Amino acid sequence: IDPFVFEKEVESLETSGVQVRKNLLISRKAHLILPSHRLLDAVYEASRGTLKIGSTLKGIGPAYTDKTSRNGLRVGDIESPLFLEKYNALKQQHFAMAKSYQPDYNDIMIEGLSFDAYENRWLSACDTLRSIEKVNSEYYINKQLDLGKKVLAEGAQGTMLDIDFGSYPFVTSSNTITAGVCSGLGVAPSRIGKVIGIFKAYCTRVGGGPFPSELFDSSGDQLRETGHEFGSTTGRPRRCGWLDIPALKYAIMLNGVNELVMMKADVLDAFETIKVATQYEIDGQLTNEVPYDQVNTLCTPVYKEITGWNTSLEVAASYEELPENLHHYVNFIEKETQTPIKVVSVGPDRLQTFIR
């Protein structure tokens, strides 16, 4: 958790009338993203030159490095009288590392502010974090499960960004698959009752990394503009392409998906023909598997063409009212993945989300 970012989110929600402080609980074991983590993130990314991995520069990677090396500070630490002492000691370690990469690291700006100015805002934002109730989340969540409550764990990033099974090294620093629920929340695998896989009717990616079905033509531009595909954190334009069945099946396998939810089908409204990557061709051989080295393996997608519906979906009031060709598209994906698609979304409004 970055207290500076967290405070801005709280203020935004409270401005909209949401009672955040009354309803939110924060795990004491959540790690803190320090200002010097963001400094290190910028220094590391700059040092990669042309081999940048597309970091959001939010300090996530360096924070996970400290977590793994057992140097990190956690939310529970802000309640300790030794917090500032620990904070300053870790900051000095970070400064030493930053200097070894970039001697003029002090010139780096964070959120448009100098390091000192940003640090002051960050330390002030820690007071907002202190005002929120903190819990030992593993006990809290398991107690809710014992009481028969319904608990929804929502992942923030896609399977292909998983640190272990994603398109390494173009990945995030944590486990984004279902296994991350167990290690991140302290919930036993046996307590996970259902896994819902959410995917778009086409594919997107932010930043660098392999993307076999990426489109570099007007079709890719159309997907980006129609789907408003710009990064939620950075605002960067997302790379867009056709649906990738091998990658989708890979995600279903890794996560133990029971059912699928297909989002943004309406983005494909204007396409007369829709392509779906059903296999890869690697060294002249067809395969359904995502290769080990996704970065350096020439992975040519094999496409199947499907007739589009070429009409607006916004007038539909139920799934049954959607065009027959969209039904064919949904059925085709179900057959390829051997996984039921229970929900289809055709617009941003809740009334445009249909349960089959």
Protein backbone atom coordinates (compact mmCIF):
# COMPACT_ATOMS: atom_id res chain seq x y z
CA ILE A 1 0.00 0.00 0.00
CA ASP A 2 1.28 3.45 -0.92
CA PRO A 3 -0.16 5.83 1.72
CA PHE A 4 0.02 8.77 -0.71
CA VAL A 5 -2.00 6.95 -3.39
CA PHE A 6 -4.31 5.48 -0.75
CA GLU A 7 -5.11 8.91 0.69
CA LYS A 8 -6.03 10.23 -2.76
CA GLU A 9 -8.36 7.27 -3.32
CA VAL A 10 -10.03 7.79 0.07
CA GLU A 11 -10.53 11.50 -0.60
CA SER A 12 -11.97 10.79 -4.05
CA LEU A 13 -14.44 8.26 -2.67
CA GLU A 14 -15.47 10.48 0.23
CA THR A 15 -16.08 13.34 -2.21
CA SER A 16 -18.48 10.99 -3.99
CA GLY A 17 -20.30 10.25 -0.73
CA VAL A 18 -18.76 6.85 0.02
CA GLN A 19 -18.15 6.23 3.73
CA VAL A 20 -14.71 4.67 3.35
CA ARG A 21 -13.40 4.92 6.90
CA LYS A 22 -16.49 3.20 8.31
CA ASN A 23 -16.46 0.25 5.91
CA LEU A 24 -12.82 -0.45 5.09
CA LEU A 25 -10.46 -2.77 6.96
CA ILE A 26 -6.74 -3.00 6.17
CA SER A 27 -4.45 -5.93 6.82
CA ARG A 28 -1.58 -5.19 9.17
CA LYS A 29 0.55 -7.54 7.08
CA ALA A 30 0.20 -5.50 3.87
CA HIS A 31 3.59 -4.09 2.86
CA LEU A 32 4.19 -0.36 2.47
CA ILE A 33 5.45 1.24 -0.73
CA LEU A 34 7.92 3.92 0.35
CA PRO A 35 8.89 7.05 -1.60
CA SER A 36 12.36 5.54 -2.02
CA HIS A 37 10.77 2.45 -3.60
CA ARG A 38 9.39 4.70 -6.32
CA LEU A 39 12.79 6.32 -6.68
CA LEU A 40 14.43 2.91 -7.11
CA ASP A 41 11.77 1.86 -9.61
CA ALA A 42 12.61 4.83 -11.83
CA VAL A 43 16.36 4.23 -11.51
CA TYR A 44 16.09 0.51 -12.29
CA GLU A 45 13.87 1.06 -15.32
CA ALA A 46 16.16 3.76 -16.72
CA SER A 47 19.18 1.48 -16.30
CA ARG A 48 17.59 -1.15 -18.58
CA GLY A 49 17.91 1.12 -21.60
CA THR A 50 16.18 -0.47 -24.59
CA LEU A 51 15.26 -3.54 -22.50
CA LYS A 52 12.68 -1.78 -20.33
CA ILE A 53 9.94 -4.04 -18.96
CA GLY A 54 7.31 -1.31 -18.95
CA SER A 55 7.16 -0.66 -15.20
CA THR A 56 4.38 1.63 -13.98
CA LEU A 57 7.06 3.30 -11.80
CA LYS A 58 4.81 3.02 -8.75
CA GLY A 59 7.46 1.30 -6.63
CA ILE A 60 5.81 -2.11 -6.60
CA GLY A 61 8.82 -4.13 -7.74
CA PRO A 62 11.28 -2.65 -5.23
CA ALA A 63 8.69 -3.05 -2.45
CA TYR A 64 8.40 -6.76 -3.27
CA THR A 65 12.20 -7.01 -3.33
CA ASP A 66 12.28 -5.72 0.24
CA LYS A 67 9.49 -8.08 1.22
CA THR A 68 11.37 -11.11 -0.11
CA SER A 69 14.67 -10.01 1.41
CA ARG A 70 12.88 -9.45 4.74
CA ASN A 71 13.63 -5.74 4.90
CA GLY A 72 10.16 -4.40 4.18
CA LEU A 73 7.93 -2.26 6.36
CA ARG A 74 4.31 -3.28 6.81
CA VAL A 75 1.13 -1.39 7.61
CA GLY A 76 1.25 -2.64 11.20
CA ASP A 77 4.64 -0.97 11.61
CA ILE A 78 3.16 2.54 11.40
CA GLU A 79 1.67 1.92 14.86
CA SER A 80 5.16 1.35 16.32
CA PRO A 81 7.09 4.16 18.07
CA LEU A 82 10.13 2.94 16.12
CA PHE A 83 8.46 3.44 12.73
CA LEU A 84 10.37 6.57 11.68
CA GLU A 85 13.66 5.05 12.77
CA LYS A 86 13.00 1.94 10.68
CA TYR A 87 11.75 4.06 7.79
CA ASN A 88 14.87 6.26 7.70
CA ALA A 89 17.21 3.27 7.93
CA LEU A 90 15.54 1.58 4.96
CA LYS A 91 15.47 4.85 3.01
CA GLN A 92 19.24 5.22 3.39
CA GLN A 93 19.73 1.70 2.04
CA HIS A 94 17.63 2.63 -0.96
CA PHE A 95 19.60 5.83 -1.53
CA ALA A 96 22.85 3.84 -1.58
CA MET A 97 21.42 1.45 -4.18
CA ALA A 98 20.02 4.29 -6.29
CA LYS A 99 23.38 6.08 -6.29
CA SER A 100 25.14 2.99 -7.62
CA TYR A 101 22.82 3.03 -10.64
CA GLN A 102 22.39 6.77 -11.14
CA PRO A 103 24.61 9.26 -9.24
CA ASP A 104 22.17 12.12 -9.90
CA TYR A 105 19.17 10.20 -8.56
CA ASN A 106 18.16 13.25 -6.49
CA ASP A 107 16.92 14.88 -9.69
CA ILE A 108 14.18 12.27 -10.17
CA MET A 109 10.65 13.61 -9.71
CA ILE A 110 7.80 11.59 -8.16
CA GLU A 111 4.25 12.61 -9.02
CA GLY A 112 5.72 15.89 -10.28
CA LEU A 113 7.35 16.59 -6.91
CA SER A 114 10.91 16.53 -5.64
CA PHE A 115 11.74 13.57 -3.41
CA ASP A 116 11.63 15.68 -0.24
CA ALA A 117 8.29 17.25 -1.15
CA TYR A 118 6.80 13.88 -2.04
CA GLU A 119 8.17 12.32 1.16
CA ASN A 120 6.47 15.02 3.25
CA ARG A 121 3.16 14.29 1.53
CA TRP A 122 3.73 10.56 2.03
CA LEU A 123 4.43 10.87 5.75
CA SER A 124 1.37 13.07 6.15
CA ALA A 125 -0.72 10.49 4.29
CA CYS A 126 0.35 7.88 6.84
CA ASP A 127 -2.03 9.64 9.24
CA THR A 128 -4.92 8.74 6.94
CA LEU A 129 -3.73 5.15 6.99
CA ARG A 130 -3.59 5.27 10.80
CA SER A 131 -7.21 6.42 10.91
CA ILE A 132 -8.46 3.24 9.18
CA GLU A 133 -9.17 0.15 11.27
CA LYS A 134 -6.47 -2.47 10.87
CA VAL A 135 -6.96 -6.19 11.38
CA ASN A 136 -5.10 -9.47 11.33
CA SER A 137 -6.74 -10.29 8.03
CA GLU A 138 -6.08 -14.03 7.97
CA TYR A 139 -8.11 -14.45 11.17
CA TYR A 140 -10.79 -12.00 10.06
CA ILE A 141 -11.42 -13.63 6.67
CA ASN A 142 -11.41 -17.18 7.99
CA LYS A 143 -13.86 -16.15 10.71
CA GLN A 144 -16.21 -14.75 8.08
CA LEU A 145 -15.99 -18.03 6.18
CA ASP A 146 -16.72 -19.94 9.40
CA LEU A 147 -19.83 -17.79 9.85
CA GLY A 148 -21.02 -18.77 6.38
CA LYS A 149 -20.43 -15.32 4.87
CA LYS A 150 -19.80 -14.95 1.16
CA VAL A 151 -16.27 -13.70 0.52
CA LEU A 152 -15.13 -12.40 -2.87
CA ALA A 153 -11.40 -12.09 -3.57
CA GLU A 154 -10.74 -9.98 -6.65
CA GLY A 155 -7.46 -10.07 -8.54
CA ALA A 156 -6.04 -6.84 -9.90
CA GLN A 157 -3.96 -8.13 -12.81
CA GLY A 158 -4.09 -10.81 -15.48
CA THR A 159 -2.64 -14.31 -15.40
CA MET A 160 0.06 -13.51 -17.94
CA LEU A 161 1.55 -11.00 -15.49
CA ASP A 162 2.07 -13.66 -12.79
CA ILE A 163 5.64 -13.63 -11.46
CA ASP A 164 6.01 -17.42 -11.86
CA PHE A 165 3.77 -18.38 -14.77
CA GLY A 166 3.46 -15.16 -16.75
CA SER A 167 5.51 -13.87 -19.70
CA TYR A 168 8.67 -13.45 -17.62
CA PRO A 169 10.41 -11.01 -17.25
CA PHE A 170 7.54 -8.82 -18.48
CA VAL A 171 5.49 -9.56 -15.39
CA THR A 172 4.51 -8.00 -12.08
CA SER A 173 6.19 -8.94 -8.80
CA SER A 174 3.48 -11.12 -7.27
CA ASN A 175 1.26 -14.11 -7.96
CA THR A 176 -1.78 -12.91 -9.87
CA ILE A 177 -3.34 -16.36 -10.22
CA THR A 178 -5.76 -18.03 -7.79
CA ALA A 179 -2.86 -19.36 -5.71
CA GLY A 180 -2.19 -15.75 -4.74
CA VAL A 181 -5.49 -15.73 -2.85
CA CYS A 182 -4.18 -18.41 -0.51
CA SER A 183 -0.75 -16.89 0.08
CA GLY A 184 -2.01 -13.31 0.07
CA LEU A 185 -5.04 -13.69 2.33
CA GLY A 186 -4.13 -16.69 4.45
CA VAL A 187 -6.98 -18.80 3.11
CA ALA A 188 -6.56 -22.55 2.60
CA PRO A 189 -7.03 -23.87 -0.97
CA SER A 190 -9.87 -26.09 0.24
CA ARG A 191 -11.89 -23.00 1.21
CA ILE A 192 -12.05 -21.64 -2.33
CA GLY A 193 -15.48 -22.66 -3.55
CA LYS A 194 -15.62 -21.14 -7.02
CA VAL A 195 -13.18 -19.49 -9.43
CA ILE A 196 -14.63 -17.04 -11.95
CA GLY A 197 -12.38 -16.14 -14.88
CA ILE A 198 -12.97 -12.69 -16.37
CA PHE A 199 -11.74 -11.95 -19.88
CA LYS A 200 -12.34 -9.45 -22.66
CA ALA A 201 -13.82 -10.47 -26.01
CA TYR A 202 -10.43 -9.48 -27.45
CA CYS A 203 -6.91 -9.11 -25.97
CA THR A 204 -4.98 -6.19 -24.50
CA ARG A 205 -1.62 -5.56 -22.89
CA VAL A 206 0.04 -2.52 -21.31
CA GLY A 207 3.78 -1.98 -21.67
CA GLY A 208 6.34 -4.35 -23.13
CA GLY A 209 6.29 -8.11 -23.48
CA PRO A 210 5.13 -10.80 -25.90
CA PHE A 211 1.69 -10.51 -27.48
CA PRO A 212 1.22 -13.07 -30.30
CA SER A 213 -2.19 -11.83 -31.48
CA GLU A 214 -1.34 -8.12 -31.34
CA LEU A 215 -2.72 -5.95 -34.14
CA PHE A 216 -0.63 -3.17 -35.65
CA ASP A 217 -3.20 -1.99 -38.18
CA SER A 218 -6.43 0.00 -38.18
CA SER A 219 -8.24 -2.90 -36.49
CA GLY A 220 -5.97 -2.56 -33.46
CA ASP A 221 -6.54 1.20 -33.42
CA GLN A 222 -10.29 0.63 -33.63
CA LEU A 223 -10.25 -1.77 -30.66
CA ARG A 224 -8.22 0.74 -28.63
CA GLU A 225 -10.43 3.72 -29.39
CA THR A 226 -13.77 1.94 -29.11
CA GLY A 227 -12.75 0.08 -25.96
CA HIS A 228 -11.08 3.14 -24.37
CA GLU A 229 -8.02 0.98 -23.84
CA PHE A 230 -5.66 3.13 -21.85
CA GLY A 231 -3.83 1.99 -18.71
CA SER A 232 -5.75 2.61 -15.48
CA THR A 233 -2.56 3.44 -13.58
CA THR A 234 -0.40 5.19 -16.18
CA GLY A 235 -2.86 6.26 -18.88
CA ARG A 236 -0.62 4.61 -21.49
CA PRO A 237 -2.35 3.30 -24.65
CA ARG A 238 -2.93 -0.43 -24.35
CA ARG A 239 -1.77 -2.75 -27.10
CA CYS A 240 -4.75 -4.53 -28.63
CA GLY A 241 -5.28 -7.75 -30.55
CA TRP A 242 -7.59 -10.65 -31.27
CA LEU A 243 -8.65 -13.16 -28.62
CA ASP A 244 -5.88 -15.67 -27.84
CA ILE A 245 -7.38 -19.09 -27.06
CA PRO A 246 -4.09 -20.81 -26.02
CA ALA A 247 -3.44 -18.02 -23.50
CA LEU A 248 -7.04 -18.16 -22.28
CA LYS A 249 -6.89 -21.94 -21.83
CA TYR A 250 -3.56 -21.53 -20.02
CA ALA A 251 -5.18 -19.07 -17.61
CA ILE A 252 -8.15 -21.38 -17.07
CA MET A 253 -5.80 -24.27 -16.26
CA LEU A 254 -3.59 -22.32 -13.84
CA ASN A 255 -6.51 -20.79 -11.97
CA GLY A 256 -8.87 -23.77 -11.90
CA VAL A 257 -11.59 -21.64 -13.47
CA ASN A 258 -15.14 -22.98 -13.04
CA GLU A 259 -16.91 -20.44 -15.21
CA LEU A 260 -16.12 -17.47 -17.43
CA VAL A 261 -17.35 -13.90 -17.72
CA MET A 262 -16.86 -12.24 -21.12
CA MET A 263 -16.53 -8.46 -21.02
CA LYS A 264 -16.70 -5.71 -23.65
CA ALA A 265 -18.30 -7.72 -26.45
CA ASP A 266 -19.71 -4.41 -27.73
CA VAL A 267 -16.21 -3.27 -28.70
CA LEU A 268 -16.42 -5.77 -31.58
CA ASP A 269 -19.73 -4.34 -32.85
CA ALA A 270 -18.35 -2.77 -36.03
CA PHE A 271 -16.25 -5.71 -37.24
CA GLU A 272 -17.63 -7.68 -40.17
CA THR A 273 -15.09 -10.42 -39.49
CA ILE A 274 -13.59 -11.32 -36.12
CA LYS A 275 -10.45 -13.41 -35.80
CA VAL A 276 -9.58 -15.77 -32.96
CA ALA A 277 -6.11 -17.26 -32.41
CA THR A 278 -6.78 -20.97 -31.86
CA GLN A 279 -3.19 -22.28 -31.94
CA TYR A 280 0.42 -21.16 -32.28
CA GLU A 281 2.90 -22.16 -34.94
CA ILE A 282 6.43 -22.52 -33.55
CA ASP A 283 9.28 -23.75 -35.76
CA GLY A 284 6.77 -25.13 -38.25
CA GLN A 285 4.87 -27.10 -35.60
CA LEU A 286 1.36 -26.38 -34.34
CA THR A 287 0.84 -26.23 -30.59
CA ASN A 288 -1.87 -25.35 -28.09
CA GLU A 289 0.65 -24.58 -25.36
CA VAL A 290 2.16 -21.30 -24.25
CA PRO A 291 5.96 -21.71 -24.74
CA TYR A 292 8.49 -21.50 -21.91
CA ASP A 293 10.40 -18.59 -23.43
CA GLN A 294 7.57 -16.37 -24.57
CA VAL A 295 9.93 -13.46 -25.22
CA ASN A 296 12.41 -15.03 -27.64
CA THR A 297 10.21 -17.70 -29.23
CA LEU A 298 8.70 -16.75 -32.60
CA CYS A 299 5.08 -17.58 -31.90
CA THR A 300 2.84 -17.16 -34.96
CA PRO A 301 -0.89 -17.28 -34.19
CA VAL A 302 -3.15 -19.50 -36.29
CA TYR A 303 -6.47 -17.74 -36.77
CA LYS A 304 -10.02 -18.85 -37.29
CA GLU A 305 -12.32 -16.25 -38.83
CA ILE A 306 -15.79 -15.78 -37.39
CA THR A 307 -18.53 -13.66 -38.93
CA GLY A 308 -19.19 -10.58 -36.82
CA TRP A 309 -22.60 -9.18 -35.87
CA ASN A 310 -21.80 -5.74 -37.33
CA THR A 311 -24.52 -4.02 -35.32
CA SER A 312 -24.85 -2.14 -32.04
CA LEU A 313 -25.57 -4.23 -28.94
CA GLU A 314 -26.72 -1.32 -26.78
CA VAL A 315 -30.43 -1.84 -27.51
CA ALA A 316 -30.51 -5.44 -26.26
CA ALA A 317 -32.42 -5.97 -23.01
CA SER A 318 -31.43 -9.62 -22.50
CA TYR A 319 -28.95 -12.20 -23.74
CA GLU A 320 -31.63 -13.73 -25.93
CA GLU A 321 -32.00 -10.43 -27.79
CA LEU A 322 -28.33 -10.31 -28.76
CA PRO A 323 -27.44 -11.10 -32.40
CA GLU A 324 -27.15 -14.75 -33.39
CA ASN A 325 -23.57 -14.22 -34.54
CA LEU A 326 -22.60 -13.10 -31.03
CA HIS A 327 -24.20 -16.28 -29.71
CA HIS A 328 -22.02 -18.22 -32.17
CA TYR A 329 -18.93 -16.37 -30.94
CA VAL A 330 -19.73 -17.19 -27.30
CA ASN A 331 -20.48 -20.83 -28.11
CA PHE A 332 -17.24 -21.14 -30.09
CA ILE A 333 -15.15 -19.89 -27.15
CA GLU A 334 -16.98 -22.24 -24.78
CA LYS A 335 -16.23 -25.19 -27.06
CA GLU A 336 -12.56 -24.24 -27.45
CA THR A 337 -11.99 -23.73 -23.72
CA GLN A 338 -14.38 -26.41 -22.44
CA THR A 339 -15.54 -23.85 -19.88
CA PRO A 340 -19.03 -22.32 -19.61
CA ILE A 341 -19.44 -18.58 -20.17
CA LYS A 342 -22.04 -17.59 -17.58
CA VAL A 343 -22.03 -13.82 -18.07
CA VAL A 344 -21.69 -11.63 -21.17
CA SER A 345 -21.24 -7.86 -20.89
CA VAL A 346 -22.10 -5.60 -23.84
CA GLY A 347 -21.60 -2.16 -22.27
CA PRO A 348 -20.55 -0.21 -19.17
CA ASP A 349 -24.02 -0.13 -17.59
CA ARG A 350 -25.03 -2.85 -15.15
CA LEU A 351 -28.16 -3.40 -17.23
CA GLN A 352 -25.89 -4.32 -20.14
CA THR A 353 -24.49 -7.32 -18.27
CA PHE A 354 -26.45 -10.48 -19.05
CA ILE A 355 -26.48 -13.75 -17.13
CA ARG A 356 -26.96 -16.77 -19.38
